[in-house]
Amino acid sequence: MSTPAIPQPRDLANKPLVEAVFEVRWALRNQGPLTDDPGFQLFQGRYYDRVRERYPYAKALPAAGVPEAMTGHTVRQQFRASEDGWPVTQIGPGILTVNETVEYSWDSFEPLVRDAVKALFDAYPEKIAKLRPTQVVLRYINVICDPWDLPKTPLLQFLRDKLHISIDLERLLFDSDSHADSPHGLNLNLTYQLESPDCLAGANFAVGESNGKRALIFEITVQTSPERAPQSVDAIGKWTKEAHEVVDKWFFALIRGDLLSNFENRNEL
């Protein structure tokens, strides 16, 4: 039997993506059980100066009301393209993110990431503390509403037939195959070490809720290991492009067939 071909990546008219997230973390200084980002206070104003033309709306997040030493790697400030609009970029001690939702395309998202990383390196006060990235993450969160009701198939059968994922629990435990294929809950996480790019790549599948409807939520995440995080603007940009190629490969391999046709043709699942 021939190996199925992975479809070529392309924009989808009815894509299931609800959020794309880029994240970079850098080293903090430990102070007992707490952490300290010595450059953060100066950095946050300097960063906003560099991104305010694109993200003029600044918003303090709930973590901003908590002592900074208790919010390591937690976003505290958010900068938005419009008052309630997207994209956004967020910062906190030791962390920066860029987030986009339904308007996402890689051609528009990649420049946002590149510019945010450049602003980070330009704005961080290295005379106070050296900026040392420890992790870079690219994450895509997708949602399919009521996948087992509308195609009239049990959940695990849907995963086998539509997402090419086989999960099984001993059939002797159940009265029927339909019962065995219909778990009430699901939370499956798989992570793999890849060599090119040097990263951990993972897929997570869970039963959740979207707009008041039961949904299948699946995430694809590619991230560096702390000891091998890229250390410059150019190196982070190169790694992010390669990580995006991994995401595209995994996503289109998983949805090939009926799901891809639905996502291309604006049919709702």
C-alpha atoms as a PDB file:
ATOM      1  CA  MET A   1       0.000   0.000   0.000  1.00  0.00           C
ATOM      2  CA  SER A   2       1.409   3.386  -1.000  1.00  0.00           C
ATOM      3  CA  THR A   3       2.013   6.059   1.614  1.00  0.00           C
ATOM      4  CA  PRO A   4      -0.693   8.766   1.496  1.00  0.00           C
ATOM      5  CA  ALA A   5       0.524  12.127   0.227  1.00  0.00           C
ATOM      6  CA  ILE A   6       0.388  15.100   2.568  1.00  0.00           C
ATOM      7  CA  PRO A   7      -1.630  17.908   0.929  1.00  0.00           C
ATOM      8  CA  GLN A   8       0.193  21.090   0.067  1.00  0.00           C
ATOM      9  CA  PRO A   9      -0.299  23.787   2.725  1.00  0.00           C
ATOM     10  CA  ARG A  10      -2.735  26.524   1.701  1.00  0.00           C
ATOM     11  CA  ASP A  11      -5.162  29.047   3.098  1.00  0.00           C
ATOM     12  CA  LEU A  12      -8.553  27.553   3.983  1.00  0.00           C
ATOM     13  CA  ALA A  13     -11.852  29.367   3.541  1.00  0.00           C
ATOM     14  CA  ASN A  14     -13.324  27.775   6.680  1.00  0.00           C
ATOM     15  CA  LYS A  15     -10.198  27.068   8.727  1.00  0.00           C
ATOM     16  CA  PRO A  16     -10.700  25.616  12.220  1.00  0.00           C
ATOM     17  CA  LEU A  17      -7.998  27.852  13.724  1.00  0.00           C
ATOM     18  CA  VAL A  18      -9.100  29.895  16.723  1.00  0.00           C
ATOM     19  CA  GLU A  19      -5.685  31.224  17.794  1.00  0.00           C
ATOM     20  CA  ALA A  20      -2.052  31.224  16.695  1.00  0.00           C
ATOM     21  CA  VAL A  21       0.501  31.976  19.418  1.00  0.00           C
ATOM     22  CA  PHE A  22       4.202  32.773  19.229  1.00  0.00           C
ATOM     23  CA  GLU A  23       6.039  32.901  22.531  1.00  0.00           C
ATOM     24  CA  VAL A  24       9.602  33.554  23.617  1.00  0.00           C
ATOM     25  CA  ARG A  25      10.828  33.196  27.185  1.00  0.00           C
ATOM     26  CA  TRP A  26      14.080  34.366  28.694  1.00  0.00           C
ATOM     27  CA  ALA A  27      16.006  33.544  31.852  1.00  0.00           C
ATOM     28  CA  LEU A  28      14.931  34.995  35.184  1.00  0.00           C
ATOM     29  CA  ARG A  29      16.952  35.421  38.339  1.00  0.00           C
ATOM     30  CA  ASN A  30      15.871  33.191  41.227  1.00  0.00           C
ATOM     31  CA  GLN A  31      15.212  34.790  44.604  1.00  0.00           C
ATOM     32  CA  GLY A  32      14.346  31.852  46.824  1.00  0.00           C
ATOM     33  CA  PRO A  33      10.871  30.638  45.793  1.00  0.00           C
ATOM     34  CA  LEU A  34      10.325  33.803  43.726  1.00  0.00           C
ATOM     35  CA  THR A  35      11.855  35.117  40.497  1.00  0.00           C
ATOM     36  CA  ASP A  36      13.131  38.456  39.291  1.00  0.00           C
ATOM     37  CA  ASP A  37      13.472  40.018  35.838  1.00  0.00           C
ATOM     38  CA  PRO A  38      15.826  42.926  36.604  1.00  0.00           C
ATOM     39  CA  GLY A  39      15.260  44.609  33.255  1.00  0.00           C
ATOM     40  CA  PHE A  40      11.487  44.310  33.030  1.00  0.00           C
ATOM     41  CA  GLN A  41      10.458  47.646  34.530  1.00  0.00           C
ATOM     42  CA  LEU A  42      12.517  49.585  32.001  1.00  0.00           C
ATOM     43  CA  PHE A  43      11.841  47.120  29.206  1.00  0.00           C
ATOM     44  CA  GLN A  44       8.043  47.412  29.226  1.00  0.00           C
ATOM     45  CA  GLY A  45       8.040  51.143  28.433  1.00  0.00           C
ATOM     46  CA  ARG A  46      10.787  50.825  25.841  1.00  0.00           C
ATOM     47  CA  TYR A  47       8.983  47.904  24.170  1.00  0.00           C
ATOM     48  CA  TYR A  48       5.716  49.835  23.925  1.00  0.00           C
ATOM     49  CA  ASP A  49       7.561  52.760  22.327  1.00  0.00           C
ATOM     50  CA  ARG A  50       8.732  50.401  19.586  1.00  0.00           C
ATOM     51  CA  VAL A  51       5.394  48.684  18.906  1.00  0.00           C
ATOM     52  CA  ARG A  52       2.826  51.408  19.626  1.00  0.00           C
ATOM     53  CA  GLU A  53       2.342  52.341  15.960  1.00  0.00           C
ATOM     54  CA  ARG A  54       1.030  48.842  15.255  1.00  0.00           C
ATOM     55  CA  TYR A  55      -0.435  48.194  18.736  1.00  0.00           C
ATOM     56  CA  PRO A  56      -1.615  51.561  20.098  1.00  0.00           C
ATOM     57  CA  TYR A  57      -4.064  50.190  22.702  1.00  0.00           C
ATOM     58  CA  ALA A  58      -2.344  49.239  25.975  1.00  0.00           C
ATOM     59  CA  LYS A  59      -4.112  47.175  28.630  1.00  0.00           C
ATOM     60  CA  ALA A  60      -2.975  45.950  32.046  1.00  0.00           C
ATOM     61  CA  LEU A  61      -3.847  42.278  32.564  1.00  0.00           C
ATOM     62  CA  PRO A  62      -4.967  40.755  35.897  1.00  0.00           C
ATOM     63  CA  ALA A  63      -1.420  39.589  36.678  1.00  0.00           C
ATOM     64  CA  ALA A  64      -0.345  43.259  36.738  1.00  0.00           C
ATOM     65  CA  GLY A  65      -2.046  43.549  40.122  1.00  0.00           C
ATOM     66  CA  VAL A  66       0.152  40.814  41.597  1.00  0.00           C
ATOM     67  CA  PRO A  67       3.719  41.441  42.824  1.00  0.00           C
ATOM     68  CA  GLU A  68       6.078  41.104  39.881  1.00  0.00           C
ATOM     69  CA  ALA A  69       8.249  38.538  41.656  1.00  0.00           C
ATOM     70  CA  MET A  70       5.242  36.183  41.749  1.00  0.00           C
ATOM     71  CA  THR A  71       4.470  36.442  38.018  1.00  0.00           C
ATOM     72  CA  GLY A  72       7.577  35.076  36.337  1.00  0.00           C
ATOM     73  CA  HIS A  73       6.813  33.985  32.755  1.00  0.00           C
ATOM     74  CA  THR A  74       3.279  35.370  33.079  1.00  0.00           C
ATOM     75  CA  VAL A  75       2.018  38.141  30.786  1.00  0.00           C
ATOM     76  CA  ARG A  76       1.126  41.404  32.596  1.00  0.00           C
ATOM     77  CA  GLN A  77       0.712  43.952  29.779  1.00  0.00           C
ATOM     78  CA  GLN A  78      -1.174  43.615  26.510  1.00  0.00           C
ATOM     79  CA  PHE A  79      -0.920  45.817  23.428  1.00  0.00           C
ATOM     80  CA  ARG A  80      -3.683  45.556  20.823  1.00  0.00           C
ATOM     81  CA  ALA A  81      -4.055  46.679  17.225  1.00  0.00           C
ATOM     82  CA  SER A  82      -7.477  48.134  18.129  1.00  0.00           C
ATOM     83  CA  GLU A  83      -9.401  48.495  21.375  1.00  0.00           C
ATOM     84  CA  ASP A  84     -10.927  45.017  21.214  1.00  0.00           C
ATOM     85  CA  GLY A  85      -9.201  43.761  18.084  1.00  0.00           C
ATOM     86  CA  TRP A  86      -6.420  41.480  17.022  1.00  0.00           C
ATOM     87  CA  PRO A  87      -3.524  40.863  16.646  1.00  0.00           C
ATOM     88  CA  VAL A  88      -2.067  41.465  20.101  1.00  0.00           C
ATOM     89  CA  THR A  89       1.370  41.302  21.663  1.00  0.00           C
ATOM     90  CA  GLN A  90       1.848  40.665  25.379  1.00  0.00           C
ATOM     91  CA  ILE A  91       4.757  40.926  27.791  1.00  0.00           C
ATOM     92  CA  GLY A  92       5.603  39.990  31.340  1.00  0.00           C
ATOM     93  CA  PRO A  93       8.718  39.162  33.334  1.00  0.00           C
ATOM     94  CA  GLY A  94      10.656  36.777  31.127  1.00  0.00           C
ATOM     95  CA  ILE A  95       7.979  36.384  28.442  1.00  0.00           C
ATOM     96  CA  LEU A  96       6.710  37.917  25.187  1.00  0.00           C
ATOM     97  CA  THR A  97       3.889  36.668  22.968  1.00  0.00           C
ATOM     98  CA  VAL A  98       2.291  37.529  19.642  1.00  0.00           C
ATOM     99  CA  ASN A  99      -1.291  36.285  19.170  1.00  0.00           C
ATOM    100  CA  GLU A 100      -3.644  36.241  16.182  1.00  0.00           C
ATOM    101  CA  THR A 101      -7.107  34.748  15.695  1.00  0.00           C
ATOM    102  CA  VAL A 102      -9.418  34.201  12.712  1.00  0.00           C
ATOM    103  CA  GLU A 103      -7.628  36.726  10.480  1.00  0.00           C
ATOM    104  CA  TYR A 104      -4.457  34.677  10.724  1.00  0.00           C
ATOM    105  CA  SER A 105      -2.294  33.913   7.725  1.00  0.00           C
ATOM    106  CA  TRP A 106       1.370  32.980   7.905  1.00  0.00           C
ATOM    107  CA  ASP A 107       2.301  35.732   5.440  1.00  0.00           C
ATOM    108  CA  SER A 108       0.944  38.370   7.830  1.00  0.00           C
ATOM    109  CA  PHE A 109       1.808  36.628  11.117  1.00  0.00           C
ATOM    110  CA  GLU A 110       5.485  35.981  10.421  1.00  0.00           C
ATOM    111  CA  PRO A 111       6.339  39.711  10.041  1.00  0.00           C
ATOM    112  CA  LEU A 112       4.520  40.418  13.327  1.00  0.00           C
ATOM    113  CA  VAL A 113       6.693  37.824  15.052  1.00  0.00           C
ATOM    114  CA  ARG A 114       9.887  39.102  13.456  1.00  0.00           C
ATOM    115  CA  ASP A 115       9.148  42.717  14.413  1.00  0.00           C
ATOM    116  CA  ALA A 116       8.209  41.788  17.996  1.00  0.00           C
ATOM    117  CA  VAL A 117      11.421  39.809  18.471  1.00  0.00           C
ATOM    118  CA  LYS A 118      13.464  42.674  17.056  1.00  0.00           C
ATOM    119  CA  ALA A 119      11.699  45.093  19.429  1.00  0.00           C
ATOM    120  CA  LEU A 120      12.477  42.758  22.327  1.00  0.00           C
ATOM    121  CA  PHE A 121      16.202  42.692  21.577  1.00  0.00           C
ATOM    122  CA  ASP A 122      16.288  46.442  20.896  1.00  0.00           C
ATOM    123  CA  ALA A 123      14.331  47.397  24.016  1.00  0.00           C
ATOM    124  CA  TYR A 124      15.671  45.042  26.661  1.00  0.00           C
ATOM    125  CA  PRO A 125      18.194  46.925  28.863  1.00  0.00           C
ATOM    126  CA  GLU A 126      21.210  44.623  28.693  1.00  0.00           C
ATOM    127  CA  LYS A 127      23.272  47.006  30.810  1.00  0.00           C
ATOM    128  CA  ILE A 128      20.946  45.975  33.647  1.00  0.00           C
ATOM    129  CA  ALA A 129      20.605  42.279  32.789  1.00  0.00           C
ATOM    130  CA  LYS A 130      21.646  40.104  29.858  1.00  0.00           C
ATOM    131  CA  LEU A 131      18.785  38.856  27.692  1.00  0.00           C
ATOM    132  CA  ARG A 132      19.116  35.068  27.452  1.00  0.00           C
ATOM    133  CA  PRO A 133      16.241  33.310  25.631  1.00  0.00           C
ATOM    134  CA  THR A 134      15.421  29.920  27.137  1.00  0.00           C
ATOM    135  CA  GLN A 135      12.466  28.798  25.020  1.00  0.00           C
ATOM    136  CA  VAL A 136      10.664  29.642  21.781  1.00  0.00           C
ATOM    137  CA  VAL A 137       7.180  28.251  21.138  1.00  0.00           C
ATOM    138  CA  LEU A 138       4.805  28.219  18.161  1.00  0.00           C
ATOM    139  CA  ARG A 139       1.284  26.980  18.987  1.00  0.00           C
ATOM    140  CA  TYR A 140      -1.888  26.611  16.910  1.00  0.00           C
ATOM    141  CA  ILE A 141      -5.261  25.981  18.561  1.00  0.00           C
ATOM    142  CA  ASN A 142      -8.005  24.510  16.364  1.00  0.00           C
ATOM    143  CA  VAL A 143     -11.648  23.712  17.130  1.00  0.00           C
ATOM    144  CA  ILE A 144     -14.171  21.411  15.454  1.00  0.00           C
ATOM    145  CA  CYS A 145     -17.659  21.794  16.929  1.00  0.00           C
ATOM    146  CA  ASP A 146     -19.785  18.696  17.609  1.00  0.00           C
ATOM    147  CA  PRO A 147     -17.676  16.405  15.398  1.00  0.00           C
ATOM    148  CA  TRP A 148     -19.377  13.230  16.572  1.00  0.00           C
ATOM    149  CA  ASP A 149     -22.964  14.509  16.322  1.00  0.00           C
ATOM    150  CA  LEU A 150     -22.943  16.003  12.853  1.00  0.00           C
ATOM    151  CA  PRO A 151     -21.119  13.209  10.992  1.00  0.00           C
ATOM    152  CA  LYS A 152     -23.201  10.737  13.081  1.00  0.00           C
ATOM    153  CA  THR A 153     -20.117   8.825  14.187  1.00  0.00           C
ATOM    154  CA  PRO A 154     -18.768   8.135  17.698  1.00  0.00           C
ATOM    155  CA  LEU A 155     -15.818  10.245  18.818  1.00  0.00           C
ATOM    156  CA  LEU A 156     -13.024   7.657  18.506  1.00  0.00           C
ATOM    157  CA  GLN A 157     -14.346   6.559  15.128  1.00  0.00           C
ATOM    158  CA  PHE A 158     -14.327  10.203  14.073  1.00  0.00           C
ATOM    159  CA  LEU A 159     -10.677  10.460  15.104  1.00  0.00           C
ATOM    160  CA  ARG A 160      -9.837   7.324  13.097  1.00  0.00           C
ATOM    161  CA  ASP A 161     -11.818   8.227   9.990  1.00  0.00           C
ATOM    162  CA  LYS A 162     -11.338  12.007   9.848  1.00  0.00           C
ATOM    163  CA  LEU A 163      -8.077  12.750  11.685  1.00  0.00           C
ATOM    164  CA  HIS A 164      -6.267   9.441  11.064  1.00  0.00           C
ATOM    165  CA  ILE A 165      -5.622   8.867  14.776  1.00  0.00           C
ATOM    166  CA  SER A 166      -6.240   5.436  16.296  1.00  0.00           C
ATOM    167  CA  ILE A 167      -7.101   5.224  19.993  1.00  0.00           C
ATOM    168  CA  ASP A 168      -8.578   2.100  21.545  1.00  0.00           C
ATOM    169  CA  LEU A 169      -9.444   0.738  24.957  1.00  0.00           C
ATOM    170  CA  GLU A 170      -9.994  -2.999  25.443  1.00  0.00           C
ATOM    171  CA  ARG A 171     -13.290  -3.815  23.723  1.00  0.00           C
ATOM    172  CA  LEU A 172     -14.167  -6.513  26.272  1.00  0.00           C
ATOM    173  CA  LEU A 173     -14.905  -3.698  28.722  1.00  0.00           C
ATOM    174  CA  PHE A 174     -17.949  -2.507  26.748  1.00  0.00           C
ATOM    175  CA  ASP A 175     -21.306  -3.835  25.616  1.00  0.00           C
ATOM    176  CA  SER A 176     -20.794  -2.681  22.019  1.00  0.00           C
ATOM    177  CA  ASP A 177     -18.203  -1.189  19.675  1.00  0.00           C
ATOM    178  CA  SER A 178     -20.261   2.004  19.535  1.00  0.00           C
ATOM    179  CA  HIS A 179     -20.048   2.303  23.317  1.00  0.00           C
ATOM    180  CA  ALA A 180     -16.286   1.684  23.227  1.00  0.00           C
ATOM    181  CA  ASP A 181     -15.885   4.447  20.638  1.00  0.00           C
ATOM    182  CA  SER A 182     -17.915   7.005  22.616  1.00  0.00           C
ATOM    183  CA  PRO A 183     -15.922   8.229  25.643  1.00  0.00           C
ATOM    184  CA  HIS A 184     -17.493  11.053  27.613  1.00  0.00           C
ATOM    185  CA  GLY A 185     -14.149  12.861  27.906  1.00  0.00           C
ATOM    186  CA  LEU A 186     -10.853  12.937  26.040  1.00  0.00           C
ATOM    187  CA  ASN A 187      -7.465  14.522  26.723  1.00  0.00           C
ATOM    188  CA  LEU A 188      -4.662  13.016  24.674  1.00  0.00           C
ATOM    189  CA  ASN A 189      -1.214  14.602  24.481  1.00  0.00           C
ATOM    190  CA  LEU A 190       1.636  13.258  22.338  1.00  0.00           C
ATOM    191  CA  THR A 191       5.099  14.862  22.189  1.00  0.00           C
ATOM    192  CA  TYR A 192       8.040  13.903  19.973  1.00  0.00           C
ATOM    193  CA  GLN A 193      11.673  14.958  19.730  1.00  0.00           C
ATOM    194  CA  LEU A 194      12.525  16.176  16.221  1.00  0.00           C
ATOM    195  CA  GLU A 195      15.950  16.781  14.740  1.00  0.00           C
ATOM    196  CA  SER A 196      15.136  19.349  12.054  1.00  0.00           C
ATOM    197  CA  PRO A 197      14.425  21.798  13.454  1.00  0.00           C
ATOM    198  CA  ASP A 198      15.817  20.842  16.839  1.00  0.00           C
ATOM    199  CA  CYS A 199      12.581  20.906  18.825  1.00  0.00           C
ATOM    200  CA  LEU A 200       9.822  19.129  20.643  1.00  0.00           C
ATOM    201  CA  ALA A 201       6.648  18.809  18.568  1.00  0.00           C
ATOM    202  CA  GLY A 202       3.351  17.829  20.080  1.00  0.00           C
ATOM    203  CA  ALA A 203      -0.331  17.358  19.359  1.00  0.00           C
ATOM    204  CA  ASN A 204      -3.096  17.543  21.938  1.00  0.00           C
ATOM    205  CA  PHE A 205      -6.700  16.423  21.442  1.00  0.00           C
ATOM    206  CA  ALA A 206      -9.385  17.185  24.006  1.00  0.00           C
ATOM    207  CA  VAL A 207     -13.147  17.402  24.395  1.00  0.00           C
ATOM    208  CA  GLY A 208     -14.100  20.953  25.281  1.00  0.00           C
ATOM    209  CA  GLU A 209     -16.612  23.687  24.499  1.00  0.00           C
ATOM    210  CA  SER A 210     -16.769  26.427  21.889  1.00  0.00           C
ATOM    211  CA  ASN A 211     -19.577  29.016  21.647  1.00  0.00           C
ATOM    212  CA  GLY A 212     -21.739  26.920  23.936  1.00  0.00           C
ATOM    213  CA  LYS A 213     -21.276  23.751  21.897  1.00  0.00           C
ATOM    214  CA  ARG A 214     -19.318  20.640  22.713  1.00  0.00           C
ATOM    215  CA  ALA A 215     -16.190  20.609  20.587  1.00  0.00           C
ATOM    216  CA  LEU A 216     -13.052  18.738  19.708  1.00  0.00           C
ATOM    217  CA  ILE A 217     -10.074  20.978  20.416  1.00  0.00           C
ATOM    218  CA  PHE A 218      -6.750  20.067  18.891  1.00  0.00           C
ATOM    219  CA  GLU A 219      -3.496  21.912  19.302  1.00  0.00           C
ATOM    220  CA  ILE A 220      -0.187  21.579  17.510  1.00  0.00           C
ATOM    221  CA  THR A 221       2.812  22.942  19.411  1.00  0.00           C
ATOM    222  CA  VAL A 222       6.458  23.174  18.413  1.00  0.00           C
ATOM    223  CA  GLN A 223       8.971  24.376  21.008  1.00  0.00           C
ATOM    224  CA  THR A 224      12.669  24.486  21.721  1.00  0.00           C
ATOM    225  CA  SER A 225      14.324  22.862  24.694  1.00  0.00           C
ATOM    226  CA  PRO A 226      15.753  25.360  27.244  1.00  0.00           C
ATOM    227  CA  GLU A 227      19.373  24.461  26.601  1.00  0.00           C
ATOM    228  CA  ARG A 228      19.038  24.853  22.822  1.00  0.00           C
ATOM    229  CA  ALA A 229      16.942  27.994  22.417  1.00  0.00           C
ATOM    230  CA  PRO A 230      18.111  30.333  19.610  1.00  0.00           C
ATOM    231  CA  GLN A 231      19.878  33.415  20.970  1.00  0.00           C
ATOM    232  CA  SER A 232      19.487  36.134  18.334  1.00  0.00           C
ATOM    233  CA  VAL A 233      16.809  37.827  16.233  1.00  0.00           C
ATOM    234  CA  ASP A 234      17.950  36.036  13.075  1.00  0.00           C
ATOM    235  CA  ALA A 235      18.266  32.645  14.786  1.00  0.00           C
ATOM    236  CA  ILE A 236      14.782  32.924  16.316  1.00  0.00           C
ATOM    237  CA  GLY A 237      13.373  33.954  12.931  1.00  0.00           C
ATOM    238  CA  LYS A 238      14.991  30.972  11.208  1.00  0.00           C
ATOM    239  CA  TRP A 239      13.787  28.547  13.863  1.00  0.00           C
ATOM    240  CA  THR A 240      10.234  29.944  13.738  1.00  0.00           C
ATOM    241  CA  LYS A 241      10.000  29.482   9.964  1.00  0.00           C
ATOM    242  CA  GLU A 242      11.190  25.888  10.291  1.00  0.00           C
ATOM    243  CA  ALA A 243       8.774  25.281  13.169  1.00  0.00           C
ATOM    244  CA  HIS A 244       5.915  26.606  11.043  1.00  0.00           C
ATOM    245  CA  GLU A 245       6.810  24.082   8.320  1.00  0.00           C
ATOM    246  CA  VAL A 246       6.445  21.324  10.936  1.00  0.00           C
ATOM    247  CA  VAL A 247       3.047  22.682  11.998  1.00  0.00           C
ATOM    248  CA  ASP A 248       1.831  22.797   8.388  1.00  0.00           C
ATOM    249  CA  LYS A 249       3.024  19.250   7.750  1.00  0.00           C
ATOM    250  CA  TRP A 250       1.300  17.883  10.845  1.00  0.00           C
ATOM    251  CA  PHE A 251      -1.905  19.853  10.341  1.00  0.00           C
ATOM    252  CA  PHE A 252      -2.446  18.954   6.697  1.00  0.00           C
ATOM    253  CA  ALA A 253      -1.486  15.324   7.293  1.00  0.00           C
ATOM    254  CA  LEU A 254      -4.105  15.090  10.048  1.00  0.00           C
ATOM    255  CA  ILE A 255      -6.970  16.782   8.187  1.00  0.00           C
ATOM    256  CA  ARG A 256      -6.376  15.249   4.733  1.00  0.00           C
ATOM    257  CA  GLY A 257      -9.548  13.927   3.147  1.00  0.00           C
ATOM    258  CA  ASP A 258     -13.047  14.878   4.291  1.00  0.00           C
ATOM    259  CA  LEU A 259     -12.014  17.484   6.851  1.00  0.00           C
ATOM    260  CA  LEU A 260      -9.812  19.311   4.360  1.00  0.00           C
ATOM    261  CA  SER A 261     -12.674  19.382   1.864  1.00  0.00           C
ATOM    262  CA  ASN A 262     -14.983  20.865   4.487  1.00  0.00           C
ATOM    263  CA  PHE A 263     -12.456  23.474   5.577  1.00  0.00           C
ATOM    264  CA  GLU A 264     -11.939  24.508   1.961  1.00  0.00           C
ATOM    265  CA  ASN A 265     -15.614  24.693   1.013  1.00  0.00           C
ATOM    266  CA  ARG A 266     -17.002  26.751   3.919  1.00  0.00           C
ATOM    267  CA  ASN A 267     -19.170  23.827   5.060  1.00  0.00           C
ATOM    268  CA  GLU A 268     -19.606  23.764   8.832  1.00  0.00           C
ATOM    269  CA  LEU A 269     -18.928  20.616  10.772  1.00  0.00           C
END
